[in-house]
Full PDB file with SEQRES, HELIX, SHEET, SSBOND, CRYST1, ORIGX, SCALE, CONECT and MASTER records, all heavy atoms in Angstrom:
SEQRES   1 A   44  LEU ALA ILE SER VAL VAL ILE ALA ILE LEU SER TRP LEU          
SEQRES   2 A   44  GLY HIS TYR GLY TRP SER SER LEU GLN THR ARG GLN ILE          
SEQRES   3 A   44  GLU GLY PHE SER ALA PHE GLY LEU ASN ALA ALA VAL ALA          
SEQRES   4 A   44  VAL LEU GLY PHE TRP                                          
HELIX    1 AA1 ALA A    2  HIS A   15  1                                  14    
HELIX    2 AA2 LEU A   21  LEU A   41  1                                  21    
CRYST1    1.000    1.000    1.000  90.00  90.00  90.00 P 1           1          
ORIGX1      1.000000  0.000000  0.000000        0.00000                         
ORIGX2      0.000000  1.000000  0.000000        0.00000                         
ORIGX3      0.000000  0.000000  1.000000        0.00000                         
SCALE1      1.000000  0.000000  0.000000        0.00000                         
SCALE2      0.000000  1.000000  0.000000        0.00000                         
SCALE3      0.000000  0.000000  1.000000        0.00000                         
ATOM      1  N   LEU A   1      84.827 100.613 109.630  1.00  0.00           N  
ATOM      2  CA  LEU A   1      85.342  99.250 109.665  1.00  0.00           C  
ATOM      3  C   LEU A   1      85.553  98.716 108.248  1.00  0.00           C  
ATOM      4  O   LEU A   1      86.585  98.101 107.957  1.00  0.00           O  
ATOM      5  CB  LEU A   1      84.391  98.339 110.450  1.00  0.00           C  
ATOM      6  CG  LEU A   1      84.838  96.910 110.661  1.00  0.00           C  
ATOM      7  CD1 LEU A   1      86.142  96.877 111.444  1.00  0.00           C  
ATOM      8  CD2 LEU A   1      83.775  96.129 111.390  1.00  0.00           C  
ATOM      9  N   ALA A   2      84.603  98.977 107.360  1.00  0.00           N  
ATOM     10  CA  ALA A   2      84.726  98.521 105.980  1.00  0.00           C  
ATOM     11  C   ALA A   2      85.918  99.179 105.286  1.00  0.00           C  
ATOM     12  O   ALA A   2      86.688  98.508 104.581  1.00  0.00           O  
ATOM     13  CB  ALA A   2      83.441  98.823 105.215  1.00  0.00           C  
ATOM     14  N   ILE A   3      86.097 100.479 105.481  1.00  0.00           N  
ATOM     15  CA  ILE A   3      87.240 101.184 104.888  1.00  0.00           C  
ATOM     16  C   ILE A   3      88.541 100.597 105.415  1.00  0.00           C  
ATOM     17  O   ILE A   3      89.487 100.361 104.653  1.00  0.00           O  
ATOM     18  CB  ILE A   3      87.156 102.693 105.184  1.00  0.00           C  
ATOM     19  CG1 ILE A   3      85.965 103.319 104.465  1.00  0.00           C  
ATOM     20  CG2 ILE A   3      88.444 103.406 104.778  1.00  0.00           C  
ATOM     21  CD1 ILE A   3      85.636 104.725 104.937  1.00  0.00           C  
ATOM     22  N   SER A   4      88.603 100.335 106.703  1.00  0.00           N  
ATOM     23  CA  SER A   4      89.819  99.793 107.320  1.00  0.00           C  
ATOM     24  C   SER A   4      90.155  98.414 106.773  1.00  0.00           C  
ATOM     25  O   SER A   4      91.317  98.123 106.472  1.00  0.00           O  
ATOM     26  CB  SER A   4      89.660  99.728 108.833  1.00  0.00           C  
ATOM     27  OG  SER A   4      89.488 101.010 109.358  1.00  0.00           O  
ATOM     28  N   VAL A   5      89.159  97.562 106.648  1.00  0.00           N  
ATOM     29  CA  VAL A   5      89.393  96.202 106.152  1.00  0.00           C  
ATOM     30  C   VAL A   5      89.840  96.238 104.692  1.00  0.00           C  
ATOM     31  O   VAL A   5      90.806  95.564 104.311  1.00  0.00           O  
ATOM     32  CB  VAL A   5      88.130  95.334 106.337  1.00  0.00           C  
ATOM     33  CG1 VAL A   5      88.258  94.020 105.589  1.00  0.00           C  
ATOM     34  CG2 VAL A   5      87.865  95.088 107.806  1.00  0.00           C  
ATOM     35  N   VAL A   6      89.160  97.042 103.882  1.00  0.00           N  
ATOM     36  CA  VAL A   6      89.519  97.114 102.460  1.00  0.00           C  
ATOM     37  C   VAL A   6      90.932  97.648 102.276  1.00  0.00           C  
ATOM     38  O   VAL A   6      91.718  97.092 101.501  1.00  0.00           O  
ATOM     39  CB  VAL A   6      88.486  97.977 101.687  1.00  0.00           C  
ATOM     40  CG1 VAL A   6      88.977  98.307 100.292  1.00  0.00           C  
ATOM     41  CG2 VAL A   6      87.154  97.265 101.626  1.00  0.00           C  
ATOM     42  N   ILE A   7      91.297  98.706 102.971  1.00  0.00           N  
ATOM     43  CA  ILE A   7      92.638  99.263 102.799  1.00  0.00           C  
ATOM     44  C   ILE A   7      93.699  98.316 103.351  1.00  0.00           C  
ATOM     45  O   ILE A   7      94.815  98.243 102.812  1.00  0.00           O  
ATOM     46  CB  ILE A   7      92.749 100.685 103.390  1.00  0.00           C  
ATOM     47  CG1 ILE A   7      93.974 101.416 102.802  1.00  0.00           C  
ATOM     48  CG2 ILE A   7      92.852 100.666 104.884  1.00  0.00           C  
ATOM     49  CD1 ILE A   7      93.920 101.676 101.361  1.00  0.00           C  
ATOM     50  N   ALA A   8      93.392  97.569 104.398  1.00  0.00           N  
ATOM     51  CA  ALA A   8      94.353  96.587 104.914  1.00  0.00           C  
ATOM     52  C   ALA A   8      94.601  95.491 103.883  1.00  0.00           C  
ATOM     53  O   ALA A   8      95.750  95.083 103.657  1.00  0.00           O  
ATOM     54  CB  ALA A   8      93.853  95.989 106.223  1.00  0.00           C  
ATOM     55  N   ILE A   9      93.542  95.021 103.244  1.00  0.00           N  
ATOM     56  CA  ILE A   9      93.689  93.982 102.217  1.00  0.00           C  
ATOM     57  C   ILE A   9      94.461  94.530 101.013  1.00  0.00           C  
ATOM     58  O   ILE A   9      95.372  93.881 100.498  1.00  0.00           O  
ATOM     59  CB  ILE A   9      92.309  93.448 101.788  1.00  0.00           C  
ATOM     60  CG1 ILE A   9      91.689  92.649 102.939  1.00  0.00           C  
ATOM     61  CG2 ILE A   9      92.417  92.580 100.534  1.00  0.00           C  
ATOM     62  CD1 ILE A   9      90.234  92.289 102.730  1.00  0.00           C  
ATOM     63  N   LEU A  10      94.112  95.732 100.569  1.00  0.00           N  
ATOM     64  CA  LEU A  10      94.802  96.322  99.422  1.00  0.00           C  
ATOM     65  C   LEU A  10      96.279  96.581  99.708  1.00  0.00           C  
ATOM     66  O   LEU A  10      97.131  96.363  98.840  1.00  0.00           O  
ATOM     67  CB  LEU A  10      94.112  97.616  98.996  1.00  0.00           C  
ATOM     68  CG  LEU A  10      92.740  97.467  98.345  1.00  0.00           C  
ATOM     69  CD1 LEU A  10      92.122  98.829  98.095  1.00  0.00           C  
ATOM     70  CD2 LEU A  10      92.840  96.670  97.059  1.00  0.00           C  
ATOM     71  N   SER A  11      96.599  97.020 100.914  1.00  0.00           N  
ATOM     72  CA  SER A  11      98.006  97.264 101.234  1.00  0.00           C  
ATOM     73  C   SER A  11      98.771  95.949 101.348  1.00  0.00           C  
ATOM     74  O   SER A  11      99.928  95.855 100.938  1.00  0.00           O  
ATOM     75  CB  SER A  11      98.152  98.096 102.500  1.00  0.00           C  
ATOM     76  OG  SER A  11      97.669  97.406 103.611  1.00  0.00           O  
ATOM     77  N   TRP A  12      98.129  94.919 101.867  1.00  0.00           N  
ATOM     78  CA  TRP A  12      98.758  93.603 101.938  1.00  0.00           C  
ATOM     79  C   TRP A  12      99.059  93.084 100.537  1.00  0.00           C  
ATOM     80  O   TRP A  12     100.150  92.566 100.270  1.00  0.00           O  
ATOM     81  CB  TRP A  12      97.850  92.640 102.698  1.00  0.00           C  
ATOM     82  CG  TRP A  12      98.428  91.269 102.861  1.00  0.00           C  
ATOM     83  CD1 TRP A  12      99.383  90.887 103.755  1.00  0.00           C  
ATOM     84  CD2 TRP A  12      98.098  90.112 102.102  1.00  0.00           C  
ATOM     85  NE1 TRP A  12      99.654  89.554 103.598  1.00  0.00           N  
ATOM     86  CE2 TRP A  12      98.882  89.050 102.589  1.00  0.00           C  
ATOM     87  CE3 TRP A  12      97.212  89.872 101.067  1.00  0.00           C  
ATOM     88  CZ2 TRP A  12      98.801  87.778 102.066  1.00  0.00           C  
ATOM     89  CZ3 TRP A  12      97.139  88.598 100.543  1.00  0.00           C  
ATOM     90  CH2 TRP A  12      97.925  87.568 101.046  1.00  0.00           C  
ATOM     91  N   LEU A  13      98.090  93.237  99.634  1.00  0.00           N  
ATOM     92  CA  LEU A  13      98.315  92.816  98.248  1.00  0.00           C  
ATOM     93  C   LEU A  13      99.403  93.656  97.586  1.00  0.00           C  
ATOM     94  O   LEU A  13     100.188  93.150  96.789  1.00  0.00           O  
ATOM     95  CB  LEU A  13      97.010  92.917  97.446  1.00  0.00           C  
ATOM     96  CG  LEU A  13      95.916  91.919  97.808  1.00  0.00           C  
ATOM     97  CD1 LEU A  13      94.643  92.231  97.040  1.00  0.00           C  
ATOM     98  CD2 LEU A  13      96.377  90.501  97.531  1.00  0.00           C  
ATOM     99  N   GLY A  14      99.461  94.929  97.920  1.00  0.00           N  
ATOM    100  CA  GLY A  14     100.483  95.807  97.361  1.00  0.00           C  
ATOM    101  C   GLY A  14     101.883  95.416  97.780  1.00  0.00           C  
ATOM    102  O   GLY A  14     102.838  95.585  97.019  1.00  0.00           O  
ATOM    103  N   HIS A  15     102.025  94.880  98.982  1.00  0.00           N  
ATOM    104  CA  HIS A  15     103.344  94.435  99.453  1.00  0.00           C  
ATOM    105  C   HIS A  15     103.875  93.280  98.614  1.00  0.00           C  
ATOM    106  O   HIS A  15     105.079  93.053  98.557  1.00  0.00           O  
ATOM    107  CB  HIS A  15     103.290  94.017 100.921  1.00  0.00           C  
ATOM    108  CG  HIS A  15     103.161  95.153 101.864  1.00  0.00           C  
ATOM    109  ND1 HIS A  15     104.060  96.186 101.922  1.00  0.00           N  
ATOM    110  CD2 HIS A  15     102.228  95.418 102.808  1.00  0.00           C  
ATOM    111  CE1 HIS A  15     103.681  97.049 102.847  1.00  0.00           C  
ATOM    112  NE2 HIS A  15     102.570  96.600 103.402  1.00  0.00           N  
ATOM    113  N   TYR A  16     102.980  92.537  98.003  1.00  0.00           N  
ATOM    114  CA  TYR A  16     103.388  91.391  97.201  1.00  0.00           C  
ATOM    115  C   TYR A  16     103.354  91.688  95.708  1.00  0.00           C  
ATOM    116  O   TYR A  16     103.289  90.777  94.889  1.00  0.00           O  
ATOM    117  CB  TYR A  16     102.518  90.181  97.536  1.00  0.00           C  
ATOM    118  CG  TYR A  16     102.763  89.722  98.950  1.00  0.00           C  
ATOM    119  CD1 TYR A  16     101.871  90.053  99.967  1.00  0.00           C  
ATOM    120  CD2 TYR A  16     103.901  89.006  99.274  1.00  0.00           C  
ATOM    121  CE1 TYR A  16     102.120  89.662 101.276  1.00  0.00           C  
ATOM    122  CE2 TYR A  16     104.158  88.610 100.573  1.00  0.00           C  
ATOM    123  CZ  TYR A  16     103.256  88.947 101.561  1.00  0.00           C  
ATOM    124  OH  TYR A  16     103.514  88.562 102.849  1.00  0.00           O  
ATOM    125  N   GLY A  17     103.377  92.983  95.358  1.00  0.00           N  
ATOM    126  CA  GLY A  17     103.538  93.380  93.969  1.00  0.00           C  
ATOM    127  C   GLY A  17     102.298  93.344  93.112  1.00  0.00           C  
ATOM    128  O   GLY A  17     102.386  93.327  91.892  1.00  0.00           O  
ATOM    129  N   TRP A  18     101.124  93.354  93.709  1.00  0.00           N  
ATOM    130  CA  TRP A  18      99.892  93.311  92.927  1.00  0.00           C  
ATOM    131  C   TRP A  18      99.492  94.677  92.386  1.00  0.00           C  
ATOM    132  O   TRP A  18      98.610  94.762  91.552  1.00  0.00           O  
ATOM    133  CB  TRP A  18      98.761  92.743  93.774  1.00  0.00           C  
ATOM    134  CG  TRP A  18      98.892  91.270  93.999  1.00  0.00           C  
ATOM    135  CD1 TRP A  18      99.973  90.614  94.494  1.00  0.00           C  
ATOM    136  CD2 TRP A  18      97.923  90.276  93.718  1.00  0.00           C  
ATOM    137  NE1 TRP A  18      99.742  89.283  94.558  1.00  0.00           N  
ATOM    138  CE2 TRP A  18      98.478  89.041  94.090  1.00  0.00           C  
ATOM    139  CE3 TRP A  18      96.642  90.306  93.211  1.00  0.00           C  
ATOM    140  CZ2 TRP A  18      97.793  87.848  93.946  1.00  0.00           C  
ATOM    141  CZ3 TRP A  18      95.955  89.117  93.079  1.00  0.00           C  
ATOM    142  CH2 TRP A  18      96.534  87.906  93.443  1.00  0.00           C  
ATOM    143  N   SER A  19     100.102  95.737  92.910  1.00  0.00           N  
ATOM    144  CA  SER A  19      99.789  97.083  92.422  1.00  0.00           C  
ATOM    145  C   SER A  19     101.039  97.954  92.521  1.00  0.00           C  
ATOM    146  O   SER A  19     101.950  97.681  93.301  1.00  0.00           O  
ATOM    147  CB  SER A  19      98.638  97.704  93.221  1.00  0.00           C  
ATOM    148  OG  SER A  19      98.970  97.796  94.584  1.00  0.00           O  
ATOM    149  N   SER A  20     101.047  99.000  91.709  1.00  0.00           N  
ATOM    150  CA  SER A  20     102.202  99.896  91.692  1.00  0.00           C  
ATOM    151  C   SER A  20     102.165 100.827  92.900  1.00  0.00           C  
ATOM    152  O   SER A  20     101.146 100.948  93.592  1.00  0.00           O  
ATOM    153  CB  SER A  20     102.203 100.716  90.405  1.00  0.00           C  
ATOM    154  OG  SER A  20     101.112 101.621  90.409  1.00  0.00           O  
ATOM    155  N   LEU A  21     103.279 101.509  93.124  1.00  0.00           N  
ATOM    156  CA  LEU A  21     103.360 102.456  94.236  1.00  0.00           C  
ATOM    157  C   LEU A  21     102.355 103.583  94.062  1.00  0.00           C  
ATOM    158  O   LEU A  21     101.692 103.992  95.020  1.00  0.00           O  
ATOM    159  CB  LEU A  21     104.780 103.010  94.356  1.00  0.00           C  
ATOM    160  CG  LEU A  21     105.002 104.059  95.441  1.00  0.00           C  
ATOM    161  CD1 LEU A  21     104.692 103.476  96.815  1.00  0.00           C  
ATOM    162  CD2 LEU A  21     106.419 104.583  95.395  1.00  0.00           C  
ATOM    163  N   GLN A  22     102.210 104.086  92.841  1.00  0.00           N  
ATOM    164  CA  GLN A  22     101.256 105.167  92.588  1.00  0.00           C  
ATOM    165  C   GLN A  22      99.824 104.716  92.887  1.00  0.00           C  
ATOM    166  O   GLN A  22      99.048 105.453  93.485  1.00  0.00           O  
ATOM    167  CB  GLN A  22     101.369 105.648  91.151  1.00  0.00           C  
ATOM    168  CG  GLN A  22     100.493 106.839  90.861  1.00  0.00           C  
ATOM    169  CD  GLN A  22     100.656 107.337  89.437  1.00  0.00           C  
ATOM    170  OE1 GLN A  22     101.223 106.655  88.589  1.00  0.00           O  
ATOM    171  NE2 GLN A  22     100.155 108.516  89.175  1.00  0.00           N  
ATOM    172  N   THR A  23      99.482 103.506  92.506  1.00  0.00           N  
ATOM    173  CA  THR A  23      98.145 102.975  92.799  1.00  0.00           C  
ATOM    174  C   THR A  23      97.933 102.858  94.303  1.00  0.00           C  
ATOM    175  O   THR A  23      96.865 103.202  94.813  1.00  0.00           O  
ATOM    176  CB  THR A  23      97.968 101.603  92.137  1.00  0.00           C  
ATOM    177  OG1 THR A  23      98.199 101.732  90.731  1.00  0.00           O  
ATOM    178  CG2 THR A  23      96.584 101.044  92.374  1.00  0.00           C  
ATOM    179  N   ARG A  24      98.943 102.408  95.017  1.00  0.00           N  
ATOM    180  CA  ARG A  24      98.836 102.280  96.466  1.00  0.00           C  
ATOM    181  C   ARG A  24      98.678 103.638  97.133  1.00  0.00           C  
ATOM    182  O   ARG A  24      97.950 103.771  98.122  1.00  0.00           O  
ATOM    183  CB  ARG A  24     100.047 101.535  97.017  1.00  0.00           C  
ATOM    184  CG  ARG A  24     100.052 100.079  96.577  1.00  0.00           C  
ATOM    185  CD  ARG A  24     101.328  99.370  96.918  1.00  0.00           C  
ATOM    186  NE  ARG A  24     101.540  99.348  98.348  1.00  0.00           N  
ATOM    187  CZ  ARG A  24     102.692  99.032  98.898  1.00  0.00           C  
ATOM    188  NH1 ARG A  24     103.720  98.709  98.151  1.00  0.00           N  
ATOM    189  NH2 ARG A  24     102.821  99.033 100.202  1.00  0.00           N  
ATOM    190  N   GLN A  25      99.363 104.664  96.606  1.00  0.00           N  
ATOM    191  CA  GLN A  25      99.218 106.011  97.149  1.00  0.00           C  
ATOM    192  C   GLN A  25      97.802 106.526  96.926  1.00  0.00           C  
ATOM    193  O   GLN A  25      97.196 107.114  97.840  1.00  0.00           O  
ATOM    194  CB  GLN A  25     100.232 106.955  96.507  1.00  0.00           C  
ATOM    195  CG  GLN A  25     101.642 106.710  96.955  1.00  0.00           C  
ATOM    196  CD  GLN A  25     102.648 107.535  96.175  1.00  0.00           C  
ATOM    197  OE1 GLN A  25     102.410 107.918  95.040  1.00  0.00           O  
ATOM    198  NE2 GLN A  25     103.788 107.803  96.802  1.00  0.00           N  
ATOM    199  N   ILE A  26      97.266 106.300  95.757  1.00  0.00           N  
ATOM    200  CA  ILE A  26      95.889 106.726  95.463  1.00  0.00           C  
ATOM    201  C   ILE A  26      94.907 106.003  96.373  1.00  0.00           C  
ATOM    202  O   ILE A  26      93.958 106.608  96.895  1.00  0.00           O  
ATOM    203  CB  ILE A  26      95.562 106.498  93.976  1.00  0.00           C  
ATOM    204  CG1 ILE A  26      96.391 107.449  93.118  1.00  0.00           C  
ATOM    205  CG2 ILE A  26      94.079 106.663  93.700  1.00  0.00           C  
ATOM    206  CD1 ILE A  26      96.340 107.152  91.631  1.00  0.00           C  
ATOM    207  N   GLU A  27      95.131 104.711  96.584  1.00  0.00           N  
ATOM    208  CA  GLU A  27      94.264 103.942  97.491  1.00  0.00           C  
ATOM    209  C   GLU A  27      94.303 104.517  98.902  1.00  0.00           C  
ATOM    210  O   GLU A  27      93.264 104.672  99.554  1.00  0.00           O  
ATOM    211  CB  GLU A  27      94.698 102.476  97.525  1.00  0.00           C  
ATOM    212  CG  GLU A  27      94.467 101.728  96.252  1.00  0.00           C  
ATOM    213  CD  GLU A  27      95.193 100.395  96.213  1.00  0.00           C  
ATOM    214  OE1 GLU A  27      95.999 100.088  97.131  1.00  0.00           O  
ATOM    215  OE2 GLU A  27      94.980  99.647  95.249  1.00  0.00           O  
ATOM    216  N   GLY A  28      95.504 104.831  99.391  1.00  0.00           N  
ATOM    217  CA  GLY A  28      95.642 105.366 100.750  1.00  0.00           C  
ATOM    218  C   GLY A  28      94.991 106.727 100.910  1.00  0.00           C  
ATOM    219  O   GLY A  28      94.266 106.973 101.882  1.00  0.00           O  
ATOM    220  N   PHE A  29      95.229 107.625  99.962  1.00  0.00           N  
ATOM    221  CA  PHE A  29      94.616 108.950 100.041  1.00  0.00           C  
ATOM    222  C   PHE A  29      93.094 108.868  99.906  1.00  0.00           C  
ATOM    223  O   PHE A  29      92.362 109.599 100.579  1.00  0.00           O  
ATOM    224  CB  PHE A  29      95.195 109.888  98.972  1.00  0.00           C  
ATOM    225  CG  PHE A  29      96.589 110.342  99.255  1.00  0.00           C  
ATOM    226  CD1 PHE A  29      97.586 110.206  98.312  1.00  0.00           C  
ATOM    227  CD2 PHE A  29      96.922 110.906 100.481  1.00  0.00           C  
ATOM    228  CE1 PHE A  29      98.886 110.626  98.572  1.00  0.00           C  
ATOM    229  CE2 PHE A  29      98.211 111.328 100.761  1.00  0.00           C  
ATOM    230  CZ  PHE A  29      99.194 111.183  99.796  1.00  0.00           C  
ATOM    231  N   SER A  30      92.617 107.967  99.045  1.00  0.00           N  
ATOM    232  CA  SER A  30      91.172 107.803  98.889  1.00  0.00           C  
ATOM    233  C   SER A  30      90.541 107.264 100.172  1.00  0.00           C  
ATOM    234  O   SER A  30      89.470 107.720 100.594  1.00  0.00           O  
ATOM    235  CB  SER A  30      90.869 106.856  97.728  1.00  0.00           C  
ATOM    236  OG  SER A  30      91.357 107.377  96.534  1.00  0.00           O  
ATOM    237  N   ALA A  31      91.209 106.291 100.791  1.00  0.00           N  
ATOM    238  CA  ALA A  31      90.687 105.736 102.045  1.00  0.00           C  
ATOM    239  C   ALA A  31      90.675 106.798 103.135  1.00  0.00           C  
ATOM    240  O   ALA A  31      89.708 106.895 103.905  1.00  0.00           O  
ATOM    241  CB  ALA A  31      91.524 104.533 102.480  1.00  0.00           C  
ATOM    242  N   PHE A  32      91.730 107.609 103.208  1.00  0.00           N  
ATOM    243  CA  PHE A  32      91.740 108.681 104.199  1.00  0.00           C  
ATOM    244  C   PHE A  32      90.629 109.675 103.923  1.00  0.00           C  
ATOM    245  O   PHE A  32      89.949 110.129 104.850  1.00  0.00           O  
ATOM    246  CB  PHE A  32      93.094 109.396 104.220  1.00  0.00           C  
ATOM    247  CG  PHE A  32      93.104 110.574 105.155  1.00  0.00           C  
ATOM    248  CD1 PHE A  32      93.135 110.375 106.528  1.00  0.00           C  
ATOM    249  CD2 PHE A  32      93.040 111.870 104.669  1.00  0.00           C  
ATOM    250  CE1 PHE A  32      93.110 111.453 107.402  1.00  0.00           C  
ATOM    251  CE2 PHE A  32      93.028 112.948 105.537  1.00  0.00           C  
ATOM    252  CZ  PHE A  32      93.064 112.744 106.902  1.00  0.00           C  
ATOM    253  N   GLY A  33      90.415 110.022 102.659  1.00  0.00           N  
ATOM    254  CA  GLY A  33      89.338 110.947 102.312  1.00  0.00           C  
ATOM    255  C   GLY A  33      87.968 110.407 102.680  1.00  0.00           C  
ATOM    256  O   GLY A  33      87.129 111.130 103.219  1.00  0.00           O  
ATOM    257  N   LEU A  34      87.732 109.134 102.387  1.00  0.00           N  
ATOM    258  CA  LEU A  34      86.462 108.515 102.769  1.00  0.00           C  
ATOM    259  C   LEU A  34      86.294 108.479 104.280  1.00  0.00           C  
ATOM    260  O   LEU A  34      85.207 108.739 104.810  1.00  0.00           O  
ATOM    261  CB  LEU A  34      86.370 107.095 102.203  1.00  0.00           C  
ATOM    262  CG  LEU A  34      86.124 106.972 100.714  1.00  0.00           C  
ATOM    263  CD1 LEU A  34      86.276 105.514 100.290  1.00  0.00           C  
ATOM    264  CD2 LEU A  34      84.748 107.494 100.359  1.00  0.00           C  
ATOM    265  N   ASN A  35      87.366 108.152 104.984  1.00  0.00           N  
ATOM    266  CA  ASN A  35      87.334 108.122 106.449  1.00  0.00           C  
ATOM    267  C   ASN A  35      87.018 109.506 107.007  1.00  0.00           C  
ATOM    268  O   ASN A  35      86.214 109.646 107.937  1.00  0.00           O  
ATOM    269  CB  ASN A  35      88.665 107.606 106.978  1.00  0.00           C  
ATOM    270  CG  ASN A  35      88.660 107.438 108.466  1.00  0.00           C  
ATOM    271  OD1 ASN A  35      87.782 106.777 109.012  1.00  0.00           O  
ATOM    272  ND2 ASN A  35      89.629 108.026 109.134  1.00  0.00           N  
ATOM    273  N   ALA A  36      87.658 110.544 106.445  1.00  0.00           N  
ATOM    274  CA  ALA A  36      87.393 111.915 106.897  1.00  0.00           C  
ATOM    275  C   ALA A  36      85.955 112.315 106.600  1.00  0.00           C  
ATOM    276  O   ALA A  36      85.309 112.970 107.430  1.00  0.00           O  
ATOM    277  CB  ALA A  36      88.374 112.880 106.238  1.00  0.00           C  
ATOM    278  N   ALA A  37      85.440 111.920 105.443  1.00  0.00           N  
ATOM    279  CA  ALA A  37      84.051 112.241 105.099  1.00  0.00           C  
ATOM    280  C   ALA A  37      83.077 111.583 106.076  1.00  0.00           C  
ATOM    281  O   ALA A  37      82.103 112.210 106.512  1.00  0.00           O  
ATOM    282  CB  ALA A  37      83.753 111.802 103.667  1.00  0.00           C  
ATOM    283  N   VAL A  38      83.344 110.334 106.434  1.00  0.00           N  
ATOM    284  CA  VAL A  38      82.483 109.643 107.410  1.00  0.00           C  
ATOM    285  C   VAL A  38      82.545 110.354 108.762  1.00  0.00           C  
ATOM    286  O   VAL A  38      81.519 110.550 109.419  1.00  0.00           O  
ATOM    287  CB  VAL A  38      82.900 108.158 107.538  1.00  0.00           C  
ATOM    288  CG1 VAL A  38      82.207 107.501 108.714  1.00  0.00           C  
ATOM    289  CG2 VAL A  38      82.594 107.413 106.261  1.00  0.00           C  
ATOM    290  N   ALA A  39      83.752 110.764 109.174  1.00  0.00           N  
ATOM    291  CA  ALA A  39      83.896 111.463 110.457  1.00  0.00           C  
ATOM    292  C   ALA A  39      83.164 112.797 110.441  1.00  0.00           C  
ATOM    293  O   ALA A  39      82.500 113.160 111.417  1.00  0.00           O  
ATOM    294  CB  ALA A  39      85.371 111.674 110.778  1.00  0.00           C  
ATOM    295  N   VAL A  40      83.261 113.531 109.345  1.00  0.00           N  
ATOM    296  CA  VAL A  40      82.564 114.823 109.249  1.00  0.00           C  
ATOM    297  C   VAL A  40      81.056 114.613 109.255  1.00  0.00           C  
ATOM    298  O   VAL A  40      80.312 115.370 109.892  1.00  0.00           O  
ATOM    299  CB  VAL A  40      83.031 115.599 107.994  1.00  0.00           C  
ATOM    300  CG1 VAL A  40      82.140 116.792 107.728  1.00  0.00           C  
ATOM    301  CG2 VAL A  40      84.476 116.043 108.162  1.00  0.00           C  
ATOM    302  N   LEU A  41      80.576 113.587 108.560  1.00  0.00           N  
ATOM    303  CA  LEU A  41      79.139 113.287 108.597  1.00  0.00           C  
ATOM    304  C   LEU A  41      78.686 112.919 110.009  1.00  0.00           C  
ATOM    305  O   LEU A  41      77.541 113.166 110.379  1.00  0.00           O  
ATOM    306  CB  LEU A  41      78.806 112.164 107.626  1.00  0.00           C  
ATOM    307  CG  LEU A  41      78.876 112.520 106.149  1.00  0.00           C  
ATOM    308  CD1 LEU A  41      78.675 111.279 105.293  1.00  0.00           C  
ATOM    309  CD2 LEU A  41      77.855 113.590 105.796  1.00  0.00           C  
ATOM    310  N   GLY A  42      79.594 112.354 110.788  1.00  0.00           N  
ATOM    311  CA  GLY A  42      79.277 112.014 112.178  1.00  0.00           C  
ATOM    312  C   GLY A  42      79.053 113.233 113.054  1.00  0.00           C  
ATOM    313  O   GLY A  42      78.469 113.131 114.139  1.00  0.00           O  
ATOM    314  N   PHE A  43      79.493 114.411 112.603  1.00  0.00           N  
ATOM    315  CA  PHE A  43      79.274 115.635 113.381  1.00  0.00           C  
ATOM    316  C   PHE A  43      77.784 115.963 113.508  1.00  0.00           C  
ATOM    317  O   PHE A  43      77.394 116.705 114.398  1.00  0.00           O  
ATOM    318  CB  PHE A  43      79.984 116.832 112.746  1.00  0.00           C  
ATOM    319  CG  PHE A  43      81.490 116.772 112.815  1.00  0.00           C  
ATOM    320  CD1 PHE A  43      82.252 117.611 112.039  1.00  0.00           C  
ATOM    321  CD2 PHE A  43      82.163 115.886 113.644  1.00  0.00           C  
ATOM    322  CE1 PHE A  43      83.630 117.583 112.083  1.00  0.00           C  
ATOM    323  CE2 PHE A  43      83.531 115.839 113.703  1.00  0.00           C  
ATOM    324  CZ  PHE A  43      84.275 116.689 112.917  1.00  0.00           C  
ATOM    325  N   TRP A  44      76.937 115.425 112.623  1.00  0.00           N  
ATOM    326  CA  TRP A  44      75.505 115.711 112.675  1.00  0.00           C  
ATOM    327  C   TRP A  44      74.734 114.647 113.448  1.00  0.00           C  
ATOM    328  O   TRP A  44      73.515 114.582 113.367  1.00  0.00           O  
ATOM    329  CB  TRP A  44      74.955 115.836 111.257  1.00  0.00           C  
ATOM    330  CG  TRP A  44      75.281 117.162 110.661  1.00  0.00           C  
ATOM    331  CD1 TRP A  44      74.566 118.312 110.815  1.00  0.00           C  
ATOM    332  CD2 TRP A  44      76.408 117.496 109.866  1.00  0.00           C  
ATOM    333  NE1 TRP A  44      75.192 119.330 110.156  1.00  0.00           N  
ATOM    334  CE2 TRP A  44      76.327 118.867 109.561  1.00  0.00           C  
ATOM    335  CE3 TRP A  44      77.494 116.785 109.377  1.00  0.00           C  
ATOM    336  CZ2 TRP A  44      77.279 119.515 108.789  1.00  0.00           C  
ATOM    337  CZ3 TRP A  44      78.432 117.430 108.614  1.00  0.00           C  
ATOM    338  CH2 TRP A  44      78.316 118.788 108.330  1.00  0.00           C  
TER     339      TRP A  44                                                      
MASTER        0    0    0    2    0    0    0    6  338    1    0    4          
END                                                                             
């Protein structure tokens, strides 16, 4: 939930020019990586 809220806020800010496209891509890939790590930890 925290990852989802943070990435939603960051993407909303990115739509209004607060960050570059490259920064937004890094944010998205990082959020996906964190989400995948949480899911893998859930396997235990």
